[in-house]
Amino acid sequence: MLVLRFFLLLALCTSAFCAYADLVPWKLLMRISSNEKDSTNLTIVKGKIAQLTVTFTNADYSQRSVLLPGSQNQNQGQQVIWFSVFNVEDNYYRNIYTEERRLAMDTSLYKGYVTLKNLEPGESVSIPIFFNDSLNESRHIEAHQLGNLPPGKYQLLAWYDPWKEPLSEYIYNRLDPFDSSNRNADSTKMDLNYAGMNSNYITLTVAESESEIQMNKPSCAGHCALCAAIDRGNWNTLKRAVRRKGGYEAPHRNIAWVYYGPDAIQSSLPTFYSRTLIVNEKGSLHHISLSWQLGKIFRVRSRMCSILHWVFHIRRCPFRSSEVNWCRLRWVKEF
């Protein structure tokens, strides 16, 4: 009997080394977190805006692109990112609310689209989500609603499914993890489940008062010119403050988010470079676009150089008609 048991144990160990699971390792990671002291907890008070951060990480060994709803402000089609709320009882997760994917936003001013962001290996990109932002719900994709939940503790989950967007087929391989026939996919694209993916769970606390919220508040100088201009809602003053001191990317009490810049700009100058800020003006969020002009052509000098070339065939102008290193903030606009 002892010998039989030994051989059974040996066979079991040998089979364990020979067995393997033919599963697809997903290289796109998604994580949600709050800006509270405990980043795994999000506290929402009725009528107050709550902020959440969604982070995507490229876990592949080469540069990959990820499709995102922000920056270009997608306002038509179906949401790429949406949320579900679960009530947990005895380790049983019961879905009590899921956002509607179909967007019903105002497209009369412009039509926004999803955007692509290139990520190096191990690089991450984050986008903001604002709950209870009723002012921007019809205009900006970052505004979400979680329904009329009674006070209590829940679990919050984010979903990501870009397959309704035409661009998705150019940056993702649509794979079924249980179908081995589609494993010979395009190596230049990132693999993604045909059903999309989900994030981690975080605790959602629906509170009755703001006293229950413990925030990690960003700090800036008490006489901060940028925050003072935002408090007054004066974007011309904000423009002058950014021109003088810059520093808009540093932590500020009135700047809720600074969007990433473009991956590339036109090589022919002059060209333009833009960043989007989401600022908090006395409890209301405003989306501000900052645009810089890079490079400058001096019109009078350029015309004089052209005349010298036409009349005297001078190929090299004696004075400079353009400036490559010229940079100036030109516009600060709310959209």
C-alpha atoms as a PDB file:
ATOM      1  CA  MET A   1       0.000   0.000   0.000  1.00  0.00           C
ATOM      2  CA  LEU A   2       2.853   2.364   0.835  1.00  0.00           C
ATOM      3  CA  VAL A   3       4.507   1.693  -2.521  1.00  0.00           C
ATOM      4  CA  LEU A   4       1.206   2.332  -4.325  1.00  0.00           C
ATOM      5  CA  ARG A   5       0.784   5.652  -2.576  1.00  0.00           C
ATOM      6  CA  PHE A   6       4.341   6.609  -3.500  1.00  0.00           C
ATOM      7  CA  PHE A   7       3.747   5.898  -7.193  1.00  0.00           C
ATOM      8  CA  LEU A   8       0.407   7.759  -7.114  1.00  0.00           C
ATOM      9  CA  LEU A   9       2.151  10.783  -5.587  1.00  0.00           C
ATOM     10  CA  LEU A  10       4.926  10.548  -8.167  1.00  0.00           C
ATOM     11  CA  ALA A  11       2.411  10.376 -11.030  1.00  0.00           C
ATOM     12  CA  LEU A  12       0.510  13.358  -9.628  1.00  0.00           C
ATOM     13  CA  CYS A  13       3.677  15.480  -9.365  1.00  0.00           C
ATOM     14  CA  THR A  14       4.844  14.467 -12.844  1.00  0.00           C
ATOM     15  CA  SER A  15       1.482  15.334 -14.410  1.00  0.00           C
ATOM     16  CA  ALA A  16       1.533  18.709 -12.663  1.00  0.00           C
ATOM     17  CA  PHE A  17       4.831  19.599 -14.364  1.00  0.00           C
ATOM     18  CA  CYS A  18       3.531  18.467 -17.746  1.00  0.00           C
ATOM     19  CA  ALA A  19       0.208  20.287 -17.565  1.00  0.00           C
ATOM     20  CA  TYR A  20      -0.182  23.914 -18.615  1.00  0.00           C
ATOM     21  CA  ALA A  21      -3.011  26.381 -19.201  1.00  0.00           C
ATOM     22  CA  ASP A  22      -3.321  27.850 -22.691  1.00  0.00           C
ATOM     23  CA  LEU A  23      -4.497  31.287 -21.580  1.00  0.00           C
ATOM     24  CA  VAL A  24      -3.846  34.706 -23.082  1.00  0.00           C
ATOM     25  CA  PRO A  25      -1.802  37.080 -20.878  1.00  0.00           C
ATOM     26  CA  TRP A  26      -3.469  40.499 -21.166  1.00  0.00           C
ATOM     27  CA  LYS A  27      -0.929  43.311 -21.424  1.00  0.00           C
ATOM     28  CA  LEU A  28      -3.301  46.243 -20.853  1.00  0.00           C
ATOM     29  CA  LEU A  29      -3.904  46.882 -17.156  1.00  0.00           C
ATOM     30  CA  MET A  30      -6.730  49.045 -15.787  1.00  0.00           C
ATOM     31  CA  ARG A  31      -6.981  50.440 -12.263  1.00  0.00           C
ATOM     32  CA  ILE A  32      -9.315  52.905 -10.545  1.00  0.00           C
ATOM     33  CA  SER A  33      -8.474  54.956  -7.448  1.00  0.00           C
ATOM     34  CA  SER A  34      -9.709  58.013  -5.573  1.00  0.00           C
ATOM     35  CA  ASN A  35      -7.806  61.081  -4.373  1.00  0.00           C
ATOM     36  CA  GLU A  36      -8.744  60.430  -0.748  1.00  0.00           C
ATOM     37  CA  LYS A  37      -6.204  59.366   1.870  1.00  0.00           C
ATOM     38  CA  ASP A  38      -7.387  55.798   1.342  1.00  0.00           C
ATOM     39  CA  SER A  39      -7.260  55.546  -2.451  1.00  0.00           C
ATOM     40  CA  THR A  40      -9.340  52.349  -2.384  1.00  0.00           C
ATOM     41  CA  ASN A  41     -12.331  54.245  -0.976  1.00  0.00           C
ATOM     42  CA  LEU A  42     -14.478  56.819  -2.770  1.00  0.00           C
ATOM     43  CA  THR A  43     -16.925  58.880  -0.706  1.00  0.00           C
ATOM     44  CA  ILE A  44     -19.867  60.548  -2.422  1.00  0.00           C
ATOM     45  CA  VAL A  45     -22.147  63.160  -0.867  1.00  0.00           C
ATOM     46  CA  LYS A  46     -25.401  64.090  -2.607  1.00  0.00           C
ATOM     47  CA  GLY A  47     -24.968  67.267  -4.663  1.00  0.00           C
ATOM     48  CA  LYS A  48     -21.165  67.312  -4.239  1.00  0.00           C
ATOM     49  CA  ILE A  49     -18.666  66.427  -6.955  1.00  0.00           C
ATOM     50  CA  ALA A  50     -16.479  63.377  -6.312  1.00  0.00           C
ATOM     51  CA  GLN A  51     -13.358  62.632  -8.340  1.00  0.00           C
ATOM     52  CA  LEU A  52     -12.065  59.247  -9.471  1.00  0.00           C
ATOM     53  CA  THR A  53      -8.915  58.394 -11.458  1.00  0.00           C
ATOM     54  CA  VAL A  54      -8.777  55.666 -14.121  1.00  0.00           C
ATOM     55  CA  THR A  55      -5.243  54.510 -14.965  1.00  0.00           C
ATOM     56  CA  PHE A  56      -4.160  52.364 -17.926  1.00  0.00           C
ATOM     57  CA  THR A  57      -0.729  50.721 -17.971  1.00  0.00           C
ATOM     58  CA  ASN A  58       1.111  49.153 -20.881  1.00  0.00           C
ATOM     59  CA  ALA A  59       2.539  45.881 -19.491  1.00  0.00           C
ATOM     60  CA  ASP A  60       3.870  44.817 -22.898  1.00  0.00           C
ATOM     61  CA  TYR A  61       7.507  44.865 -24.022  1.00  0.00           C
ATOM     62  CA  SER A  62       7.059  47.401 -26.820  1.00  0.00           C
ATOM     63  CA  GLN A  63       5.228  50.657 -27.472  1.00  0.00           C
ATOM     64  CA  ARG A  64       1.460  50.265 -27.690  1.00  0.00           C
ATOM     65  CA  SER A  65      -1.523  52.578 -28.184  1.00  0.00           C
ATOM     66  CA  VAL A  66      -4.592  52.791 -25.975  1.00  0.00           C
ATOM     67  CA  LEU A  67      -7.961  54.241 -26.953  1.00  0.00           C
ATOM     68  CA  LEU A  68      -9.329  56.829 -24.488  1.00  0.00           C
ATOM     69  CA  PRO A  69     -12.551  58.865 -24.276  1.00  0.00           C
ATOM     70  CA  GLY A  70     -11.050  62.091 -22.895  1.00  0.00           C
ATOM     71  CA  SER A  71      -8.910  64.889 -24.371  1.00  0.00           C
ATOM     72  CA  GLN A  72     -10.933  65.093 -27.623  1.00  0.00           C
ATOM     73  CA  ASN A  73     -14.124  64.882 -25.519  1.00  0.00           C
ATOM     74  CA  GLN A  74     -16.085  61.991 -27.043  1.00  0.00           C
ATOM     75  CA  ASN A  75     -19.768  63.008 -27.063  1.00  0.00           C
ATOM     76  CA  GLN A  76     -21.437  60.533 -29.407  1.00  0.00           C
ATOM     77  CA  GLY A  77     -21.819  56.783 -29.764  1.00  0.00           C
ATOM     78  CA  GLN A  78     -21.318  54.513 -26.752  1.00  0.00           C
ATOM     79  CA  GLN A  79     -19.198  55.098 -23.684  1.00  0.00           C
ATOM     80  CA  VAL A  80     -15.787  53.462 -23.723  1.00  0.00           C
ATOM     81  CA  ILE A  81     -15.666  53.522 -19.898  1.00  0.00           C
ATOM     82  CA  TRP A  82     -18.699  53.054 -17.686  1.00  0.00           C
ATOM     83  CA  PHE A  83     -19.407  51.977 -14.106  1.00  0.00           C
ATOM     84  CA  SER A  84     -21.378  49.442 -12.095  1.00  0.00           C
ATOM     85  CA  VAL A  85     -22.297  49.505  -8.409  1.00  0.00           C
ATOM     86  CA  PHE A  86     -22.613  46.315  -6.366  1.00  0.00           C
ATOM     87  CA  ASN A  87     -24.181  45.638  -2.999  1.00  0.00           C
ATOM     88  CA  VAL A  88     -22.185  43.004  -1.088  1.00  0.00           C
ATOM     89  CA  GLU A  89     -23.879  40.702   1.413  1.00  0.00           C
ATOM     90  CA  ASP A  90     -22.146  37.562   2.750  1.00  0.00           C
ATOM     91  CA  ASN A  91     -19.560  37.826  -0.037  1.00  0.00           C
ATOM     92  CA  TYR A  92     -22.335  37.841  -2.659  1.00  0.00           C
ATOM     93  CA  TYR A  93     -22.068  40.716  -5.167  1.00  0.00           C
ATOM     94  CA  ARG A  94     -25.448  41.929  -6.393  1.00  0.00           C
ATOM     95  CA  ASN A  95     -25.468  44.503  -9.207  1.00  0.00           C
ATOM     96  CA  ILE A  96     -27.809  47.343  -8.217  1.00  0.00           C
ATOM     97  CA  TYR A  97     -26.833  49.967 -10.799  1.00  0.00           C
ATOM     98  CA  THR A  98     -25.032  50.082 -14.148  1.00  0.00           C
ATOM     99  CA  GLU A  99     -24.557  53.187 -16.255  1.00  0.00           C
ATOM    100  CA  GLU A 100     -26.246  53.472 -19.625  1.00  0.00           C
ATOM    101  CA  ARG A 101     -23.602  53.129 -22.350  1.00  0.00           C
ATOM    102  CA  ARG A 102     -25.423  55.100 -25.040  1.00  0.00           C
ATOM    103  CA  LEU A 103     -24.358  58.740 -24.867  1.00  0.00           C
ATOM    104  CA  ALA A 104     -27.025  61.444 -24.922  1.00  0.00           C
ATOM    105  CA  MET A 105     -24.833  64.534 -25.017  1.00  0.00           C
ATOM    106  CA  ASP A 106     -25.095  67.902 -26.723  1.00  0.00           C
ATOM    107  CA  THR A 107     -23.393  67.763 -30.148  1.00  0.00           C
ATOM    108  CA  SER A 108     -24.741  71.081 -31.464  1.00  0.00           C
ATOM    109  CA  LEU A 109     -21.466  72.971 -30.877  1.00  0.00           C
ATOM    110  CA  TYR A 110     -19.022  70.281 -32.019  1.00  0.00           C
ATOM    111  CA  LYS A 111     -18.652  66.542 -32.404  1.00  0.00           C
ATOM    112  CA  GLY A 112     -16.018  64.991 -30.184  1.00  0.00           C
ATOM    113  CA  TYR A 113     -14.260  61.682 -30.692  1.00  0.00           C
ATOM    114  CA  VAL A 114     -12.129  59.174 -28.854  1.00  0.00           C
ATOM    115  CA  THR A 115      -8.386  59.684 -28.919  1.00  0.00           C
ATOM    116  CA  LEU A 116      -5.268  57.524 -28.989  1.00  0.00           C
ATOM    117  CA  LYS A 117      -2.383  57.699 -26.553  1.00  0.00           C
ATOM    118  CA  ASN A 118       0.948  55.989 -27.215  1.00  0.00           C
ATOM    119  CA  LEU A 119       2.481  54.275 -24.185  1.00  0.00           C
ATOM    120  CA  GLU A 120       6.035  53.050 -23.822  1.00  0.00           C
ATOM    121  CA  PRO A 121       6.623  49.712 -22.020  1.00  0.00           C
ATOM    122  CA  GLY A 122       5.595  50.112 -18.389  1.00  0.00           C
ATOM    123  CA  GLU A 123       4.198  53.618 -18.986  1.00  0.00           C
ATOM    124  CA  SER A 124       0.794  54.647 -17.627  1.00  0.00           C
ATOM    125  CA  VAL A 125      -1.798  57.243 -18.538  1.00  0.00           C
ATOM    126  CA  SER A 126      -4.596  58.478 -16.290  1.00  0.00           C
ATOM    127  CA  ILE A 127      -7.911  60.178 -16.994  1.00  0.00           C
ATOM    128  CA  PRO A 128     -10.352  61.777 -14.528  1.00  0.00           C
ATOM    129  CA  ILE A 129     -13.941  60.869 -13.757  1.00  0.00           C
ATOM    130  CA  PHE A 130     -16.282  63.244 -11.915  1.00  0.00           C
ATOM    131  CA  PHE A 131     -19.474  61.970 -10.306  1.00  0.00           C
ATOM    132  CA  ASN A 132     -22.424  64.311  -9.588  1.00  0.00           C
ATOM    133  CA  ASP A 133     -21.091  66.884 -12.077  1.00  0.00           C
ATOM    134  CA  SER A 134     -24.545  67.832 -13.374  1.00  0.00           C
ATOM    135  CA  LEU A 135     -23.252  71.101 -14.929  1.00  0.00           C
ATOM    136  CA  ASN A 136     -21.075  69.229 -17.460  1.00  0.00           C
ATOM    137  CA  GLU A 137     -23.084  66.029 -17.855  1.00  0.00           C
ATOM    138  CA  SER A 138     -24.349  66.955 -21.327  1.00  0.00           C
ATOM    139  CA  ARG A 139     -21.066  68.497 -22.536  1.00  0.00           C
ATOM    140  CA  HIS A 140     -18.088  66.541 -21.190  1.00  0.00           C
ATOM    141  CA  ILE A 141     -17.410  62.812 -21.163  1.00  0.00           C
ATOM    142  CA  GLU A 142     -15.690  62.978 -17.749  1.00  0.00           C
ATOM    143  CA  ALA A 143     -19.039  63.629 -16.006  1.00  0.00           C
ATOM    144  CA  HIS A 144     -20.816  60.487 -14.773  1.00  0.00           C
ATOM    145  CA  GLN A 145     -23.823  59.684 -12.594  1.00  0.00           C
ATOM    146  CA  LEU A 146     -24.316  56.731 -10.229  1.00  0.00           C
ATOM    147  CA  GLY A 147     -28.054  56.987  -9.737  1.00  0.00           C
ATOM    148  CA  ASN A 148     -29.897  57.784  -6.520  1.00  0.00           C
ATOM    149  CA  LEU A 149     -28.134  55.442  -4.099  1.00  0.00           C
ATOM    150  CA  PRO A 150     -29.167  55.424  -0.418  1.00  0.00           C
ATOM    151  CA  PRO A 151     -26.436  56.033   2.190  1.00  0.00           C
ATOM    152  CA  GLY A 152     -24.262  52.996   2.756  1.00  0.00           C
ATOM    153  CA  LYS A 153     -21.222  51.108   1.532  1.00  0.00           C
ATOM    154  CA  TYR A 154     -20.989  49.509  -1.898  1.00  0.00           C
ATOM    155  CA  GLN A 155     -18.399  48.199  -4.336  1.00  0.00           C
ATOM    156  CA  LEU A 156     -17.608  50.177  -7.493  1.00  0.00           C
ATOM    157  CA  LEU A 157     -16.292  48.620 -10.701  1.00  0.00           C
ATOM    158  CA  ALA A 158     -15.268  50.206 -14.019  1.00  0.00           C
ATOM    159  CA  TRP A 159     -15.704  48.577 -17.425  1.00  0.00           C
ATOM    160  CA  TYR A 160     -13.674  49.238 -20.574  1.00  0.00           C
ATOM    161  CA  ASP A 161     -14.957  48.188 -23.991  1.00  0.00           C
ATOM    162  CA  PRO A 162     -13.755  50.107 -27.074  1.00  0.00           C
ATOM    163  CA  TRP A 163     -15.062  47.687 -29.723  1.00  0.00           C
ATOM    164  CA  LYS A 164     -17.926  49.966 -30.780  1.00  0.00           C
ATOM    165  CA  GLU A 165     -15.364  52.508 -31.984  1.00  0.00           C
ATOM    166  CA  PRO A 166     -14.023  52.042 -35.562  1.00  0.00           C
ATOM    167  CA  LEU A 167     -10.480  52.926 -34.438  1.00  0.00           C
ATOM    168  CA  SER A 168     -10.329  49.954 -32.072  1.00  0.00           C
ATOM    169  CA  GLU A 169      -9.627  47.419 -34.818  1.00  0.00           C
ATOM    170  CA  TYR A 170      -6.442  49.306 -35.749  1.00  0.00           C
ATOM    171  CA  ILE A 171      -4.872  49.226 -32.270  1.00  0.00           C
ATOM    172  CA  TYR A 172      -6.252  46.052 -30.636  1.00  0.00           C
ATOM    173  CA  ASN A 173      -6.382  42.366 -31.499  1.00  0.00           C
ATOM    174  CA  ARG A 174      -9.912  41.136 -30.787  1.00  0.00           C
ATOM    175  CA  LEU A 175      -9.343  37.824 -29.001  1.00  0.00           C
ATOM    176  CA  ASP A 176     -11.454  35.140 -27.379  1.00  0.00           C
ATOM    177  CA  PRO A 177      -9.427  33.719 -24.446  1.00  0.00           C
ATOM    178  CA  PHE A 178     -11.046  30.290 -24.907  1.00  0.00           C
ATOM    179  CA  ASP A 179     -10.525  30.078 -28.669  1.00  0.00           C
ATOM    180  CA  SER A 180      -6.993  29.039 -29.652  1.00  0.00           C
ATOM    181  CA  SER A 181      -7.672  29.501 -33.371  1.00  0.00           C
ATOM    182  CA  ASN A 182      -7.117  33.283 -33.214  1.00  0.00           C
ATOM    183  CA  ARG A 183      -3.741  33.259 -31.420  1.00  0.00           C
ATOM    184  CA  ASN A 184      -1.776  34.231 -34.558  1.00  0.00           C
ATOM    185  CA  ALA A 185      -2.726  37.875 -34.155  1.00  0.00           C
ATOM    186  CA  ASP A 186      -0.999  41.040 -35.392  1.00  0.00           C
ATOM    187  CA  SER A 187       2.136  41.495 -33.262  1.00  0.00           C
ATOM    188  CA  THR A 188       1.993  45.284 -33.716  1.00  0.00           C
ATOM    189  CA  LYS A 189      -1.293  45.509 -31.807  1.00  0.00           C
ATOM    190  CA  MET A 190      -2.213  44.930 -28.184  1.00  0.00           C
ATOM    191  CA  ASP A 191      -4.387  41.911 -27.365  1.00  0.00           C
ATOM    192  CA  LEU A 192      -7.776  42.700 -25.841  1.00  0.00           C
ATOM    193  CA  ASN A 193     -10.662  40.453 -24.861  1.00  0.00           C
ATOM    194  CA  TYR A 194     -13.573  40.598 -27.294  1.00  0.00           C
ATOM    195  CA  ALA A 195     -15.814  41.418 -24.297  1.00  0.00           C
ATOM    196  CA  GLY A 196     -13.580  44.231 -23.042  1.00  0.00           C
ATOM    197  CA  MET A 197     -12.063  44.320 -19.566  1.00  0.00           C
ATOM    198  CA  ASN A 198     -12.822  45.468 -16.039  1.00  0.00           C
ATOM    199  CA  SER A 199     -10.907  47.291 -13.324  1.00  0.00           C
ATOM    200  CA  ASN A 200     -10.330  46.483  -9.678  1.00  0.00           C
ATOM    201  CA  TYR A 201     -13.100  47.001  -7.118  1.00  0.00           C
ATOM    202  CA  ILE A 202     -12.998  49.971  -4.762  1.00  0.00           C
ATOM    203  CA  THR A 203     -15.278  50.757  -1.841  1.00  0.00           C
ATOM    204  CA  LEU A 204     -17.985  53.315  -2.614  1.00  0.00           C
ATOM    205  CA  THR A 205     -19.311  55.133   0.442  1.00  0.00           C
ATOM    206  CA  VAL A 206     -22.488  57.168  -0.010  1.00  0.00           C
ATOM    207  CA  ALA A 207     -22.427  59.626   2.910  1.00  0.00           C
ATOM    208  CA  GLU A 208     -24.820  62.261   4.192  1.00  0.00           C
ATOM    209  CA  SER A 209     -22.196  64.890   5.046  1.00  0.00           C
ATOM    210  CA  GLU A 210     -18.734  65.946   3.850  1.00  0.00           C
ATOM    211  CA  SER A 211     -17.278  65.431   7.342  1.00  0.00           C
ATOM    212  CA  GLU A 212     -16.791  61.749   6.469  1.00  0.00           C
ATOM    213  CA  ILE A 213     -14.415  62.580   3.579  1.00  0.00           C
ATOM    214  CA  GLN A 214     -10.664  62.600   4.250  1.00  0.00           C
ATOM    215  CA  MET A 215      -9.032  64.165   1.204  1.00  0.00           C
ATOM    216  CA  ASN A 216      -5.456  64.475   0.047  1.00  0.00           C
ATOM    217  CA  LYS A 217      -5.660  68.171  -0.727  1.00  0.00           C
ATOM    218  CA  PRO A 218      -2.988  69.557  -3.091  1.00  0.00           C
ATOM    219  CA  SER A 219      -1.051  72.480  -1.683  1.00  0.00           C
ATOM    220  CA  CYS A 220      -0.027  75.747  -3.289  1.00  0.00           C
ATOM    221  CA  ALA A 221       0.956  79.178  -2.012  1.00  0.00           C
ATOM    222  CA  GLY A 222      -1.715  81.130  -0.179  1.00  0.00           C
ATOM    223  CA  HIS A 223      -1.268  83.987  -2.652  1.00  0.00           C
ATOM    224  CA  CYS A 224      -1.291  81.706  -5.719  1.00  0.00           C
ATOM    225  CA  ALA A 225      -2.126  83.861  -8.756  1.00  0.00           C
ATOM    226  CA  LEU A 226      -3.499  80.922 -10.751  1.00  0.00           C
ATOM    227  CA  CYS A 227      -5.962  79.852  -8.047  1.00  0.00           C
ATOM    228  CA  ALA A 228      -6.993  83.466  -7.412  1.00  0.00           C
ATOM    229  CA  ALA A 229      -7.811  83.922 -11.108  1.00  0.00           C
ATOM    230  CA  ILE A 230      -9.829  80.675 -11.111  1.00  0.00           C
ATOM    231  CA  ASP A 231     -11.747  81.791  -8.000  1.00  0.00           C
ATOM    232  CA  ARG A 232     -12.843  84.900  -9.915  1.00  0.00           C
ATOM    233  CA  GLY A 233     -13.582  82.958 -13.103  1.00  0.00           C
ATOM    234  CA  ASN A 234     -11.350  85.407 -14.991  1.00  0.00           C
ATOM    235  CA  TRP A 235      -9.618  83.476 -17.759  1.00  0.00           C
ATOM    236  CA  ASN A 236      -7.717  86.516 -19.075  1.00  0.00           C
ATOM    237  CA  THR A 237      -6.111  86.907 -15.645  1.00  0.00           C
ATOM    238  CA  LEU A 238      -5.358  83.175 -15.670  1.00  0.00           C
ATOM    239  CA  LYS A 239      -3.688  83.617 -19.058  1.00  0.00           C
ATOM    240  CA  ARG A 240      -1.443  86.390 -17.747  1.00  0.00           C
ATOM    241  CA  ALA A 241      -0.569  84.340 -14.639  1.00  0.00           C
ATOM    242  CA  VAL A 242       0.451  81.310 -16.718  1.00  0.00           C
ATOM    243  CA  ARG A 243       2.493  83.569 -19.021  1.00  0.00           C
ATOM    244  CA  ARG A 244       4.363  85.112 -16.105  1.00  0.00           C
ATOM    245  CA  LYS A 245       4.978  82.125 -13.848  1.00  0.00           C
ATOM    246  CA  GLY A 246       3.732  78.947 -15.525  1.00  0.00           C
ATOM    247  CA  GLY A 247       3.475  76.215 -12.897  1.00  0.00           C
ATOM    248  CA  TYR A 248       0.013  75.035 -13.916  1.00  0.00           C
ATOM    249  CA  GLU A 249       1.202  71.386 -13.785  1.00  0.00           C
ATOM    250  CA  ALA A 250       2.132  71.650 -10.092  1.00  0.00           C
ATOM    251  CA  PRO A 251      -0.498  70.759  -7.439  1.00  0.00           C
ATOM    252  CA  HIS A 252      -3.099  73.531  -6.997  1.00  0.00           C
ATOM    253  CA  ARG A 253      -6.205  73.673  -4.865  1.00  0.00           C
ATOM    254  CA  ASN A 254      -8.319  74.911  -7.794  1.00  0.00           C
ATOM    255  CA  ILE A 255      -6.892  72.748 -10.596  1.00  0.00           C
ATOM    256  CA  ALA A 256      -8.593  69.360 -10.493  1.00  0.00           C
ATOM    257  CA  TRP A 257      -6.846  67.888 -13.533  1.00  0.00           C
ATOM    258  CA  VAL A 258      -4.211  68.622 -16.170  1.00  0.00           C
ATOM    259  CA  TYR A 259      -4.612  66.498 -19.293  1.00  0.00           C
ATOM    260  CA  TYR A 260      -1.619  64.979 -21.025  1.00  0.00           C
ATOM    261  CA  GLY A 261      -0.280  66.803 -24.073  1.00  0.00           C
ATOM    262  CA  PRO A 262      -0.244  65.526 -27.667  1.00  0.00           C
ATOM    263  CA  ASP A 263       2.205  62.780 -28.641  1.00  0.00           C
ATOM    264  CA  ALA A 264       3.431  64.856 -31.596  1.00  0.00           C
ATOM    265  CA  ILE A 265       3.011  68.251 -33.250  1.00  0.00           C
ATOM    266  CA  GLN A 266       3.591  69.492 -36.776  1.00  0.00           C
ATOM    267  CA  SER A 267       7.257  69.942 -37.644  1.00  0.00           C
ATOM    268  CA  SER A 268       6.587  72.997 -39.840  1.00  0.00           C
ATOM    269  CA  LEU A 269       6.532  76.194 -37.831  1.00  0.00           C
ATOM    270  CA  PRO A 270       4.630  78.109 -36.694  1.00  0.00           C
ATOM    271  CA  THR A 271       2.461  75.450 -35.098  1.00  0.00           C
ATOM    272  CA  PHE A 272       0.338  75.156 -31.972  1.00  0.00           C
ATOM    273  CA  TYR A 273       0.434  73.097 -28.783  1.00  0.00           C
ATOM    274  CA  SER A 274      -2.561  72.712 -26.464  1.00  0.00           C
ATOM    275  CA  ARG A 275      -3.277  71.428 -22.957  1.00  0.00           C
ATOM    276  CA  THR A 276      -6.627  71.021 -21.229  1.00  0.00           C
ATOM    277  CA  LEU A 277      -7.208  71.961 -17.598  1.00  0.00           C
ATOM    278  CA  ILE A 278     -10.219  71.090 -15.468  1.00  0.00           C
ATOM    279  CA  VAL A 279     -10.511  73.797 -12.832  1.00  0.00           C
ATOM    280  CA  ASN A 280     -12.721  74.141  -9.778  1.00  0.00           C
ATOM    281  CA  GLU A 281     -14.380  77.533  -9.478  1.00  0.00           C
ATOM    282  CA  LYS A 282     -16.232  77.609  -6.148  1.00  0.00           C
ATOM    283  CA  GLY A 283     -17.611  74.084  -6.463  1.00  0.00           C
ATOM    284  CA  SER A 284     -18.213  74.127 -10.247  1.00  0.00           C
ATOM    285  CA  LEU A 285     -15.912  72.453 -12.747  1.00  0.00           C
ATOM    286  CA  HIS A 286     -14.830  74.277 -15.900  1.00  0.00           C
ATOM    287  CA  HIS A 287     -12.866  72.848 -18.817  1.00  0.00           C
ATOM    288  CA  ILE A 288     -10.188  75.269 -20.001  1.00  0.00           C
ATOM    289  CA  SER A 289      -8.055  74.967 -23.131  1.00  0.00           C
ATOM    290  CA  LEU A 290      -4.566  76.523 -23.142  1.00  0.00           C
ATOM    291  CA  SER A 291      -2.938  76.976 -26.571  1.00  0.00           C
ATOM    292  CA  TRP A 292       0.641  78.013 -27.251  1.00  0.00           C
ATOM    293  CA  GLN A 293       2.126  79.162 -30.537  1.00  0.00           C
ATOM    294  CA  LEU A 294       5.510  77.593 -31.262  1.00  0.00           C
ATOM    295  CA  GLY A 295       7.686  79.463 -33.728  1.00  0.00           C
ATOM    296  CA  LYS A 296       7.019  82.771 -35.395  1.00  0.00           C
ATOM    297  CA  ILE A 297       7.336  84.271 -38.886  1.00  0.00           C
ATOM    298  CA  PHE A 298       7.893  88.044 -38.985  1.00  0.00           C
ATOM    299  CA  ARG A 299       5.666  89.212 -41.831  1.00  0.00           C
ATOM    300  CA  VAL A 300       7.446  92.449 -42.752  1.00  0.00           C
ATOM    301  CA  ARG A 301      10.917  90.894 -42.612  1.00  0.00           C
ATOM    302  CA  SER A 302       9.728  87.856 -44.583  1.00  0.00           C
ATOM    303  CA  ARG A 303       8.281  90.127 -47.301  1.00  0.00           C
ATOM    304  CA  MET A 304      11.514  92.130 -47.467  1.00  0.00           C
ATOM    305  CA  CYS A 305      13.545  88.926 -47.833  1.00  0.00           C
ATOM    306  CA  SER A 306      11.276  87.818 -50.665  1.00  0.00           C
ATOM    307  CA  ILE A 307      11.754  91.182 -52.460  1.00  0.00           C
ATOM    308  CA  LEU A 308      15.540  90.976 -52.048  1.00  0.00           C
ATOM    309  CA  HIS A 309      15.501  87.483 -53.504  1.00  0.00           C
ATOM    310  CA  TRP A 310      13.306  88.425 -56.489  1.00  0.00           C
ATOM    311  CA  VAL A 311      15.096  91.690 -57.341  1.00  0.00           C
ATOM    312  CA  PHE A 312      18.731  91.084 -56.385  1.00  0.00           C
ATOM    313  CA  HIS A 313      18.751  87.250 -56.343  1.00  0.00           C
ATOM    314  CA  ILE A 314      20.011  87.228 -52.769  1.00  0.00           C
ATOM    315  CA  ARG A 315      19.511  83.696 -51.490  1.00  0.00           C
ATOM    316  CA  ARG A 316      20.511  84.322 -47.893  1.00  0.00           C
ATOM    317  CA  CYS A 317      18.643  87.161 -46.252  1.00  0.00           C
ATOM    318  CA  PRO A 318      20.872  89.481 -44.151  1.00  0.00           C
ATOM    319  CA  PHE A 319      18.371  89.491 -41.277  1.00  0.00           C
ATOM    320  CA  ARG A 320      16.228  86.833 -39.620  1.00  0.00           C
ATOM    321  CA  SER A 321      12.670  86.503 -40.911  1.00  0.00           C
ATOM    322  CA  SER A 322      11.548  83.773 -38.483  1.00  0.00           C
ATOM    323  CA  GLU A 323      12.212  82.551 -34.946  1.00  0.00           C
ATOM    324  CA  VAL A 324      12.164  78.812 -34.254  1.00  0.00           C
ATOM    325  CA  ASN A 325      12.568  79.027 -30.468  1.00  0.00           C
ATOM    326  CA  TRP A 326       9.693  81.489 -30.039  1.00  0.00           C
ATOM    327  CA  CYS A 327       6.911  80.259 -27.706  1.00  0.00           C
ATOM    328  CA  ARG A 328       3.942  82.205 -26.372  1.00  0.00           C
ATOM    329  CA  LEU A 329       0.618  81.366 -24.742  1.00  0.00           C
ATOM    330  CA  ARG A 330      -1.984  82.748 -27.155  1.00  0.00           C
ATOM    331  CA  TRP A 331      -5.421  81.550 -26.004  1.00  0.00           C
ATOM    332  CA  VAL A 332      -7.118  80.510 -22.766  1.00  0.00           C
ATOM    333  CA  LYS A 333     -10.699  79.508 -23.518  1.00  0.00           C
ATOM    334  CA  GLU A 334     -13.495  77.632 -21.805  1.00  0.00           C
ATOM    335  CA  PHE A 335     -15.230  74.992 -23.871  1.00  0.00           C
END
